[in-house]
Amino acid sequence: MIRSLAAVGAAALLSSFVAAPAHAAVVGVSTTASLQAAIDTAVPGQRIVLAEGVHTADQPVKITKPGITVAARTTGATVFTRGGFELGAVRGVTIEGFVFNGTSSMSVPVKAQATRITRNTYNGDKNGASLTVSANDVQVDLNTFSNRSNEGVYLQITGPGSEIAQRTWVHHNYFYNHSFSGDNGGESIRLGYSHKQSKSAYAVIEHNLFEKANGDPEAISVKSSDNTVRFNTIRDSKGYIVLRHGNRTTVEGNVLFGSGIRFHGNDHKVFNNYVQNTGDRAIVFGKGSETDSGPASTSHDRPDRVTVAFNTLIGTGAVVDTDTGTYAPKDCVLANNIVQGSSSKLIDIMSGSTVKYEGNIVWGGTAGIPSGYRSVDPKLVRDANGMLRLTSGSPAIDTSAGTYSYVTRDFDPQARFGKPDVGADEYSPSAVRKPLTKADVGASAP
């Protein structure tokens, strides 16, 4: 099921799938041996369905025919505990509805272009990533990634050598309960690697839910350039959305409870996000141990020309903060945000930073910045879904400063009009945005 088209690379993604002819047959099989035989003789457009039950294959089932769908008869009831699938040089294949338990696995190699991975469950510890995507134009949707406790990520997006997979579309997945207790290496999504940071991936990560993403401080770790991370929900997690390496990524409209957004690199846009953190550090301007990262650097890059605008940021301590480091953020913008908390310094951007401040509303504590803000009560009220929204008398309405032409909608998303309101919410008596729940995403979602 395709719910929405990603604005980045959508046309290329759709054109790459193989259309099923009207006479396409459904072939039912009961064992992995008969599944392999059916695949070996399949033609484009066929749907091959494996019966319910637990399947243990000594070798992965090899998919060597393009344009076919290999599916579980009932989503979630066909389980691999050993083996799984091995994709060859095929295009337009769909893998649907399986459970990968035990040592079973499946990856999308470079030559398996335009693969769709949908409604599968990747459960428990794996050797390496639960799912690795190396090919271009891959769609990963409506899957469940759950209950991992060892080192390794749920979803790794990579590519051949120093290159990066192009136009990966990751949407409506459920990432749940990564409990790896080490300091690093348990992300839910890792988009690229440090040595691929300068490569443009044009990936879209949207409408995913992350709960108990505690295997790493980074729930979504972006290590490539020119990506979009939008309309995701993170709750009950230590993992943040982190732009660890790379440039020109957009972070828009995410709803985060107890989490936050941290960034390094250049020319990012962070807007329309709702971040409600019971402590502090809703937005973190990352430190720099170098001014600009080289193609293979693993160090922290100084943020340059990053715009943080039209966000609603709720906390107690330093709601907008920085790490300590040698090189302070340079030529960044903090504009038209609502920052609400109870600290003596709600915005604590490190000494030596060059940041333009304008149009912000700061309430509940001392601003901590020299200008570009008003200390007025934004008059937020909590809606039925637990989010703080504008009321009709709010001083945030129609009072933003400057021009940010790309901010055409709010976090609902509803259209912004006239002079946009400050914060993530454009005032409307009819709120439409709800944080995602597990009923909306994953293998069993409608």
Protein backbone atom coordinates (compact mmCIF):
# COMPACT_ATOMS: atom_id res chain seq x y z
CA MET A 1 0.00 0.00 0.00
CA ILE A 2 1.41 3.39 -1.00
CA ARG A 3 -0.01 6.18 1.15
CA SER A 4 1.78 9.24 -0.18
CA LEU A 5 4.44 10.11 -2.72
CA ALA A 6 7.76 11.38 -1.45
CA ALA A 7 8.51 14.73 -2.99
CA VAL A 8 12.15 13.78 -3.44
CA GLY A 9 12.64 11.22 -6.18
CA ALA A 10 9.03 10.04 -6.24
CA ALA A 11 8.71 10.05 -10.01
CA ALA A 12 11.90 8.06 -10.42
CA LEU A 13 10.78 5.58 -7.77
CA LEU A 14 7.35 4.94 -9.29
CA SER A 15 8.63 4.61 -12.84
CA SER A 16 11.11 1.96 -11.76
CA PHE A 17 8.53 -0.61 -10.61
CA VAL A 18 7.37 -3.32 -13.02
CA ALA A 19 3.64 -3.22 -13.72
CA ALA A 20 1.79 -6.53 -13.31
CA PRO A 21 -0.14 -7.64 -16.40
CA ALA A 22 -3.85 -8.24 -16.05
CA HIS A 23 -3.41 -12.00 -16.42
CA ALA A 24 -0.79 -12.29 -13.66
CA ALA A 25 -1.22 -15.51 -11.71
CA VAL A 26 -1.05 -16.19 -7.99
CA VAL A 27 0.99 -19.32 -7.26
CA GLY A 28 0.62 -20.93 -3.83
CA VAL A 29 3.40 -23.08 -2.34
CA SER A 30 3.87 -24.80 1.02
CA THR A 31 7.63 -25.29 1.49
CA THR A 32 10.79 -23.33 0.80
CA ALA A 33 11.79 -25.97 -1.77
CA SER A 34 8.56 -25.49 -3.72
CA LEU A 35 8.94 -21.72 -3.30
CA GLN A 36 12.38 -21.87 -4.92
CA ALA A 37 11.01 -23.96 -7.79
CA ALA A 38 8.16 -21.50 -8.37
CA ILE A 39 10.53 -18.54 -8.38
CA ASP A 40 12.85 -20.25 -10.86
CA THR A 41 10.03 -20.47 -13.42
CA ALA A 42 8.22 -17.23 -12.59
CA VAL A 43 7.38 -14.49 -15.07
CA PRO A 44 7.04 -10.76 -14.34
CA GLY A 45 3.77 -9.96 -12.63
CA GLN A 46 3.39 -13.24 -10.77
CA ARG A 47 2.66 -13.32 -7.07
CA ILE A 48 4.11 -16.37 -5.31
CA VAL A 49 2.62 -17.06 -1.89
CA LEU A 50 4.24 -19.19 0.84
CA ALA A 51 1.97 -20.91 3.34
CA GLU A 52 1.80 -20.14 7.05
CA GLY A 53 4.17 -21.90 9.42
CA VAL A 54 7.77 -21.89 10.62
CA HIS A 55 10.32 -22.42 7.85
CA THR A 56 13.96 -23.31 8.41
CA ALA A 57 16.04 -23.23 5.25
CA ASP A 58 19.69 -24.28 5.17
CA GLN A 59 20.26 -21.82 2.34
CA PRO A 60 18.46 -18.56 1.53
CA VAL A 61 15.79 -18.72 -1.14
CA LYS A 62 17.31 -17.14 -4.26
CA ILE A 63 15.24 -14.60 -6.16
CA THR A 64 16.47 -14.49 -9.75
CA LYS A 65 13.40 -13.28 -11.66
CA PRO A 66 12.43 -9.60 -12.04
CA GLY A 67 9.05 -8.06 -11.47
CA ILE A 68 7.62 -10.69 -9.14
CA THR A 69 6.08 -10.55 -5.67
CA VAL A 70 7.08 -13.12 -3.07
CA ALA A 71 4.62 -12.95 -0.20
CA ALA A 72 3.42 -14.65 2.95
CA ARG A 73 -0.09 -16.03 2.63
CA THR A 74 -0.97 -14.25 5.87
CA THR A 75 1.11 -11.29 7.02
CA GLY A 76 3.03 -12.22 10.15
CA ALA A 77 2.18 -15.92 10.04
CA THR A 78 4.95 -17.15 7.74
CA VAL A 79 8.12 -17.26 9.79
CA PHE A 80 11.75 -17.89 8.87
CA THR A 81 14.05 -18.88 11.72
CA ARG A 82 16.96 -19.79 9.44
CA GLY A 83 17.71 -18.86 5.84
CA GLY A 84 15.54 -16.12 4.35
CA PHE A 85 15.99 -14.54 0.92
CA GLU A 86 18.89 -13.69 -1.35
CA LEU A 87 18.14 -11.19 -4.12
CA GLY A 88 20.04 -11.43 -7.38
CA ALA A 89 20.39 -8.94 -10.24
CA VAL A 90 16.65 -8.36 -10.46
CA ARG A 91 14.44 -5.29 -10.74
CA GLY A 92 10.99 -4.51 -9.38
CA VAL A 93 10.74 -7.36 -6.87
CA THR A 94 8.45 -7.11 -3.82
CA ILE A 95 9.00 -9.07 -0.60
CA GLU A 96 5.88 -8.98 1.56
CA GLY A 97 4.58 -10.18 4.89
CA PHE A 98 7.29 -12.45 6.31
CA VAL A 99 8.73 -12.70 9.81
CA PHE A 100 12.52 -12.99 10.09
CA ASN A 101 13.35 -14.56 13.45
CA GLY A 102 16.52 -16.29 14.64
CA THR A 103 19.37 -16.13 12.13
CA SER A 104 17.12 -15.60 9.11
CA SER A 105 17.85 -12.48 7.11
CA MET A 106 17.47 -10.59 3.88
CA SER A 107 19.34 -7.68 2.33
CA VAL A 108 18.89 -5.65 -0.84
CA PRO A 109 22.16 -5.81 -2.83
CA VAL A 110 23.30 -3.19 -5.30
CA LYS A 111 21.92 -5.01 -8.36
CA ALA A 112 18.40 -5.46 -6.94
CA GLN A 113 17.10 -2.10 -8.11
CA ALA A 114 13.59 -0.80 -7.30
CA THR A 115 12.90 -3.48 -4.69
CA ARG A 116 9.98 -3.03 -2.32
CA ILE A 117 10.24 -4.43 1.22
CA THR A 118 6.79 -4.26 2.81
CA ARG A 119 4.88 -5.62 5.84
CA ASN A 120 7.75 -7.78 7.09
CA THR A 121 8.87 -8.20 10.69
CA TYR A 122 12.56 -8.23 11.64
CA ASN A 123 12.64 -9.51 15.18
CA GLY A 124 15.42 -10.09 17.67
CA ASP A 125 19.20 -9.98 17.44
CA LYS A 126 20.96 -10.31 14.08
CA ASN A 127 24.53 -10.51 12.90
CA GLY A 128 24.93 -7.01 11.47
CA ALA A 129 22.02 -4.86 10.39
CA SER A 130 18.53 -6.34 10.51
CA LEU A 131 18.01 -5.02 6.96
CA THR A 132 20.65 -3.53 4.66
CA VAL A 133 19.72 -1.55 1.55
CA SER A 134 22.44 -1.05 -1.06
CA ALA A 135 20.39 -0.61 -4.27
CA ASN A 136 18.78 2.47 -5.76
CA ASP A 137 15.04 3.27 -5.69
CA VAL A 138 14.18 0.91 -2.84
CA GLN A 139 10.96 1.34 -0.87
CA VAL A 140 10.89 0.15 2.75
CA ASP A 141 7.37 0.53 4.11
CA LEU A 142 5.00 -0.86 6.73
CA ASN A 143 7.62 -3.09 8.33
CA THR A 144 8.19 -3.80 12.03
CA PHE A 145 11.72 -3.83 13.49
CA SER A 146 11.61 -5.10 17.06
CA ASN A 147 13.33 -6.42 20.19
CA ARG A 148 17.00 -6.14 19.38
CA SER A 149 19.54 -6.14 22.22
CA ASN A 150 22.92 -6.63 20.50
CA GLU A 151 25.10 -4.20 18.59
CA GLY A 152 23.88 -3.41 15.09
CA VAL A 153 21.25 -1.21 13.48
CA TYR A 154 17.73 -2.06 12.43
CA LEU A 155 18.02 -0.45 8.98
CA GLN A 156 21.30 0.39 7.24
CA ILE A 157 21.22 2.35 3.98
CA THR A 158 24.52 2.07 2.17
CA GLY A 159 25.71 1.49 -1.42
CA PRO A 160 28.65 0.18 -3.43
CA GLY A 161 32.12 1.23 -2.28
CA SER A 162 32.22 4.95 -1.59
CA GLU A 163 28.84 5.53 -3.28
CA ILE A 164 25.45 5.82 -1.57
CA ALA A 165 22.14 4.19 -2.47
CA GLN A 166 19.88 6.70 -4.21
CA ARG A 167 16.28 7.68 -3.50
CA THR A 168 15.51 5.23 -0.69
CA TRP A 169 11.97 5.78 0.57
CA VAL A 170 11.39 4.69 4.19
CA HIS A 171 7.85 5.21 5.45
CA HIS A 172 5.20 3.94 7.88
CA ASN A 173 7.59 1.55 9.65
CA TYR A 174 7.57 0.73 13.35
CA PHE A 175 10.95 0.70 15.11
CA TYR A 176 10.53 -0.73 18.60
CA ASN A 177 12.68 -1.67 21.57
CA HIS A 178 16.34 -1.50 20.59
CA SER A 179 18.00 -2.05 23.96
CA PHE A 180 21.71 -2.42 23.11
CA SER A 181 23.54 -1.02 26.13
CA GLY A 182 26.82 0.00 24.50
CA ASP A 183 27.84 3.58 23.84
CA ASN A 184 27.50 3.43 20.06
CA GLY A 185 26.21 1.16 17.30
CA GLY A 186 22.53 0.58 18.06
CA GLU A 187 20.75 3.10 15.82
CA SER A 188 17.30 2.42 14.46
CA ILE A 189 18.23 3.90 11.06
CA ARG A 190 21.71 4.71 9.82
CA LEU A 191 21.58 6.60 6.53
CA GLY A 192 25.06 6.32 5.07
CA TYR A 193 28.46 6.12 6.72
CA SER A 194 31.02 8.75 7.66
CA HIS A 195 33.08 7.98 4.55
CA LYS A 196 29.97 8.54 2.38
CA GLN A 197 29.00 11.86 3.98
CA SER A 198 29.59 13.99 0.88
CA LYS A 199 27.42 11.74 -1.32
CA SER A 200 23.86 12.85 -2.09
CA ALA A 201 21.42 10.08 -1.19
CA TYR A 202 18.12 11.93 -1.77
CA ALA A 203 16.48 9.58 0.76
CA VAL A 204 13.10 10.33 2.31
CA ILE A 205 12.41 9.05 5.84
CA GLU A 206 8.82 9.90 6.75
CA HIS A 207 5.80 8.83 8.82
CA ASN A 208 7.75 6.29 10.89
CA LEU A 209 7.26 5.60 14.60
CA PHE A 210 10.17 5.00 17.00
CA GLU A 211 9.51 3.74 20.52
CA LYS A 212 12.16 2.65 23.03
CA ALA A 213 14.91 3.56 20.57
CA ASN A 214 17.53 3.17 23.28
CA GLY A 215 20.33 1.31 21.52
CA ASP A 216 22.17 4.54 20.67
CA PRO A 217 21.87 8.30 21.28
CA GLU A 218 20.96 8.49 17.58
CA ALA A 219 17.62 6.97 16.57
CA ILE A 220 18.00 8.32 13.04
CA SER A 221 21.66 8.85 12.19
CA VAL A 222 22.20 10.71 8.91
CA LYS A 223 25.68 10.31 7.41
CA SER A 224 25.08 11.48 3.86
CA SER A 225 23.81 14.59 2.08
CA ASP A 226 20.59 15.95 0.56
CA ASN A 227 18.01 13.95 2.51
CA THR A 228 14.56 14.61 3.98
CA VAL A 229 13.48 13.47 7.47
CA ARG A 230 9.86 14.45 8.08
CA PHE A 231 6.62 13.71 9.92
CA ASN A 232 8.12 10.98 12.09
CA THR A 233 7.19 10.37 15.75
CA ILE A 234 9.72 9.46 18.44
CA ARG A 235 8.63 8.74 22.00
CA ASP A 236 10.03 7.07 25.13
CA SER A 237 13.52 6.97 23.57
CA LYS A 238 16.99 8.28 24.28
CA GLY A 239 17.68 8.35 20.53
CA TYR A 240 17.54 11.70 18.70
CA ILE A 241 17.29 12.68 15.06
CA VAL A 242 20.97 13.40 14.41
CA LEU A 243 22.55 14.91 11.31
CA ARG A 244 25.93 13.42 12.15
CA HIS A 245 27.66 13.97 8.80
CA GLY A 246 26.73 15.51 5.48
CA ASN A 247 25.03 18.64 4.22
CA ARG A 248 21.70 20.08 3.03
CA THR A 249 19.27 17.79 4.85
CA THR A 250 15.74 18.93 5.68
CA VAL A 251 14.22 18.00 9.06
CA GLU A 252 10.53 18.94 8.99
CA GLY A 253 7.38 18.35 10.97
CA ASN A 254 8.60 15.64 13.31
CA VAL A 255 6.88 15.10 16.67
CA LEU A 256 9.29 14.13 19.44
CA PHE A 257 8.49 13.35 23.07
CA GLY A 258 11.54 13.06 25.33
CA SER A 259 13.84 13.14 22.31
CA GLY A 260 15.41 15.91 20.25
CA ILE A 261 17.31 17.03 17.16
CA ARG A 262 21.09 17.48 16.93
CA PHE A 263 23.07 18.50 13.88
CA HIS A 264 26.52 18.94 12.40
CA GLY A 265 27.39 19.90 8.84
CA ASN A 266 26.23 22.67 6.57
CA ASP A 267 23.12 24.21 5.04
CA HIS A 268 20.47 22.14 6.81
CA LYS A 269 16.90 23.36 7.33
CA VAL A 270 15.20 22.35 10.60
CA PHE A 271 11.63 23.63 10.74
CA ASN A 272 8.06 22.90 11.87
CA ASN A 273 9.18 20.34 14.46
CA TYR A 274 7.38 19.81 17.76
CA VAL A 275 9.83 18.75 20.48
CA GLN A 276 8.58 18.20 24.01
CA ASN A 277 11.43 17.14 26.28
CA THR A 278 10.93 16.69 30.00
CA GLY A 279 14.51 17.80 30.56
CA ASP A 280 16.46 20.00 28.19
CA ARG A 281 18.32 19.88 24.84
CA ALA A 282 15.34 19.79 22.49
CA ILE A 283 17.57 21.30 19.77
CA VAL A 284 21.35 20.86 19.90
CA PHE A 285 23.70 22.89 17.73
CA GLY A 286 26.51 20.35 17.50
CA LYS A 287 30.08 21.09 18.40
CA GLY A 288 32.90 21.16 15.85
CA SER A 289 36.23 19.46 16.29
CA GLU A 290 36.95 20.65 12.73
CA THR A 291 35.58 23.47 10.60
CA ASP A 292 34.63 21.31 7.63
CA SER A 293 34.81 17.54 7.40
CA GLY A 294 36.80 15.89 4.67
CA PRO A 295 35.22 13.05 2.65
CA ALA A 296 36.51 10.34 5.01
CA SER A 297 36.50 12.23 8.30
CA THR A 298 34.88 10.74 11.37
CA SER A 299 35.22 13.94 13.41
CA HIS A 300 32.45 16.37 14.30
CA ASP A 301 31.90 19.05 11.69
CA ARG A 302 31.04 22.59 12.73
CA PRO A 303 27.48 23.56 11.73
CA ASP A 304 27.56 26.28 9.07
CA ARG A 305 24.53 28.11 7.66
CA VAL A 306 21.95 25.91 9.41
CA THR A 307 18.47 27.43 9.80
CA VAL A 308 16.31 26.41 12.79
CA ALA A 309 12.92 28.04 12.32
CA PHE A 310 9.21 27.74 13.21
CA ASN A 311 9.68 24.98 15.79
CA THR A 312 7.82 24.54 19.07
CA LEU A 313 10.39 23.54 21.70
CA ILE A 314 9.28 22.61 25.22
CA GLY A 315 11.61 21.67 28.08
CA THR A 316 12.93 22.80 31.42
CA GLY A 317 16.65 23.49 31.21
CA ALA A 318 18.65 24.68 28.20
CA VAL A 319 15.97 23.90 25.61
CA VAL A 320 18.21 25.06 22.76
CA ASP A 321 21.75 24.02 23.56
CA THR A 322 25.18 23.24 22.12
CA ASP A 323 27.86 20.71 22.79
CA THR A 324 31.25 21.95 23.88
CA GLY A 325 33.94 22.00 21.22
CA THR A 326 36.66 23.94 19.49
CA TYR A 327 34.63 25.36 16.62
CA ALA A 328 31.35 27.13 17.35
CA PRO A 329 28.35 27.20 14.96
CA LYS A 330 28.89 29.73 12.18
CA ASP A 331 26.38 31.83 10.22
CA CYS A 332 23.36 29.92 11.55
CA VAL A 333 19.80 31.18 12.09
CA LEU A 334 17.40 30.72 15.01
CA ALA A 335 14.10 32.27 13.96
CA ASN A 336 10.39 32.24 14.80
CA ASN A 337 10.60 29.43 17.33
CA ILE A 338 8.56 29.08 20.51
CA VAL A 339 10.96 28.13 23.31
CA GLN A 340 9.23 27.40 26.60
CA GLY A 341 10.79 26.11 29.80
CA SER A 342 11.77 27.07 33.33
CA SER A 343 15.52 27.66 33.32
CA SER A 344 17.67 30.70 33.91
CA LYS A 345 18.99 30.27 30.36
CA LEU A 346 16.60 28.58 27.89
CA ILE A 347 18.85 29.20 24.89
CA ASP A 348 22.49 28.40 25.55
CA ILE A 349 24.46 28.59 22.33
CA MET A 350 28.17 28.36 22.92
CA SER A 351 30.47 31.35 23.11
CA GLY A 352 31.91 32.38 19.77
CA SER A 353 28.89 31.28 17.71
CA THR A 354 27.63 33.54 14.95
CA VAL A 355 23.87 33.11 14.94
CA LYS A 356 21.15 35.39 13.61
CA TYR A 357 18.20 35.59 16.01
CA GLU A 358 14.81 36.91 14.96
CA GLY A 359 11.14 36.50 15.74
CA ASN A 360 11.48 33.99 18.59
CA ILE A 361 9.13 33.79 21.58
CA VAL A 362 10.82 32.72 24.82
CA TRP A 363 8.72 32.03 27.90
CA GLY A 364 9.17 30.63 31.40
CA GLY A 365 12.81 31.52 31.92
CA THR A 366 15.64 33.78 30.82
CA ALA A 367 16.22 33.82 27.06
CA GLY A 368 20.01 33.62 27.13
CA ILE A 369 20.38 35.47 23.80
CA PRO A 370 20.98 39.20 23.26
CA SER A 371 18.16 39.97 20.83
CA GLY A 372 15.71 38.51 18.33
CA TYR A 373 13.06 37.42 20.83
CA ARG A 374 10.03 38.49 22.87
CA SER A 375 9.38 37.34 26.42
CA VAL A 376 5.62 36.83 26.16
CA ASP A 377 3.34 33.97 27.12
CA PRO A 378 2.52 32.12 23.85
CA LYS A 379 -0.69 30.88 25.48
CA LEU A 380 -0.27 27.25 24.52
CA VAL A 381 -2.91 24.71 25.50
CA ARG A 382 -2.65 20.94 25.42
CA ASP A 383 -4.85 19.22 22.87
CA ALA A 384 -6.45 15.78 23.12
CA ASN A 385 -3.27 14.19 21.73
CA GLY A 386 -0.95 15.68 24.33
CA MET A 387 0.56 18.44 22.18
CA LEU A 388 0.70 22.13 23.10
CA ARG A 389 -0.99 24.32 20.50
CA LEU A 390 -1.76 27.98 19.96
CA THR A 391 -5.00 29.49 21.23
CA SER A 392 -6.91 32.24 19.51
CA GLY A 393 -5.40 35.00 21.64
CA SER A 394 -1.78 33.91 21.30
CA PRO A 395 0.81 36.62 20.56
CA ALA A 396 2.47 34.11 18.20
CA ILE A 397 -0.29 34.56 15.62
CA ASP A 398 0.77 36.57 12.53
CA THR A 399 3.95 37.84 14.19
CA SER A 400 6.85 35.96 12.58
CA ALA A 401 9.86 37.88 11.33
CA GLY A 402 11.83 37.62 8.11
CA THR A 403 11.08 35.62 4.99
CA TYR A 404 11.36 31.83 4.85
CA SER A 405 9.71 30.97 1.55
CA TYR A 406 10.04 27.20 1.98
CA VAL A 407 7.87 27.24 5.12
CA THR A 408 4.50 26.98 3.34
CA ARG A 409 2.78 24.64 5.83
CA ASP A 410 2.88 23.84 9.53
CA PHE A 411 3.44 20.55 11.34
CA ASP A 412 -0.16 19.33 10.87
CA PRO A 413 0.44 19.91 7.89
CA GLN A 414 -1.92 22.78 7.18
CA ALA A 415 -1.17 25.71 4.91
CA ARG A 416 0.45 28.79 6.42
CA PHE A 417 -1.06 32.05 5.21
CA GLY A 418 -0.40 35.77 5.45
CA LYS A 419 2.38 36.44 7.92
CA PRO A 420 3.02 32.96 9.37
CA ASP A 421 2.54 32.27 13.06
CA VAL A 422 5.57 31.69 15.29
CA GLY A 423 6.24 28.06 16.20
CA ALA A 424 5.36 24.75 14.56
CA ASP A 425 1.59 25.34 14.67
CA GLU A 426 -0.30 27.73 12.40
CA TYR A 427 -3.36 28.57 14.47
CA SER A 428 -6.54 26.79 13.42
CA PRO A 429 -9.58 25.75 15.47
CA SER A 430 -9.43 22.37 13.72
CA ALA A 431 -6.20 20.59 14.62
CA VAL A 432 -5.51 17.56 12.44
CA ARG A 433 -2.08 16.24 13.45
CA LYS A 434 -1.87 13.27 15.78
CA PRO A 435 1.37 11.65 16.90
CA LEU A 436 1.76 8.25 15.28
CA THR A 437 0.86 5.14 17.26
CA LYS A 438 1.62 1.51 16.53
CA ALA A 439 -1.85 1.19 15.02
CA ASP A 440 -0.71 3.51 12.20
CA VAL A 441 2.55 1.83 11.22
CA GLY A 442 4.28 -1.50 10.89
CA ALA A 443 3.35 -4.86 9.43
CA SER A 444 -0.20 -4.97 10.79
CA ALA A 445 -1.24 -1.39 10.00
CA PRO A 446 -4.27 -0.90 7.74
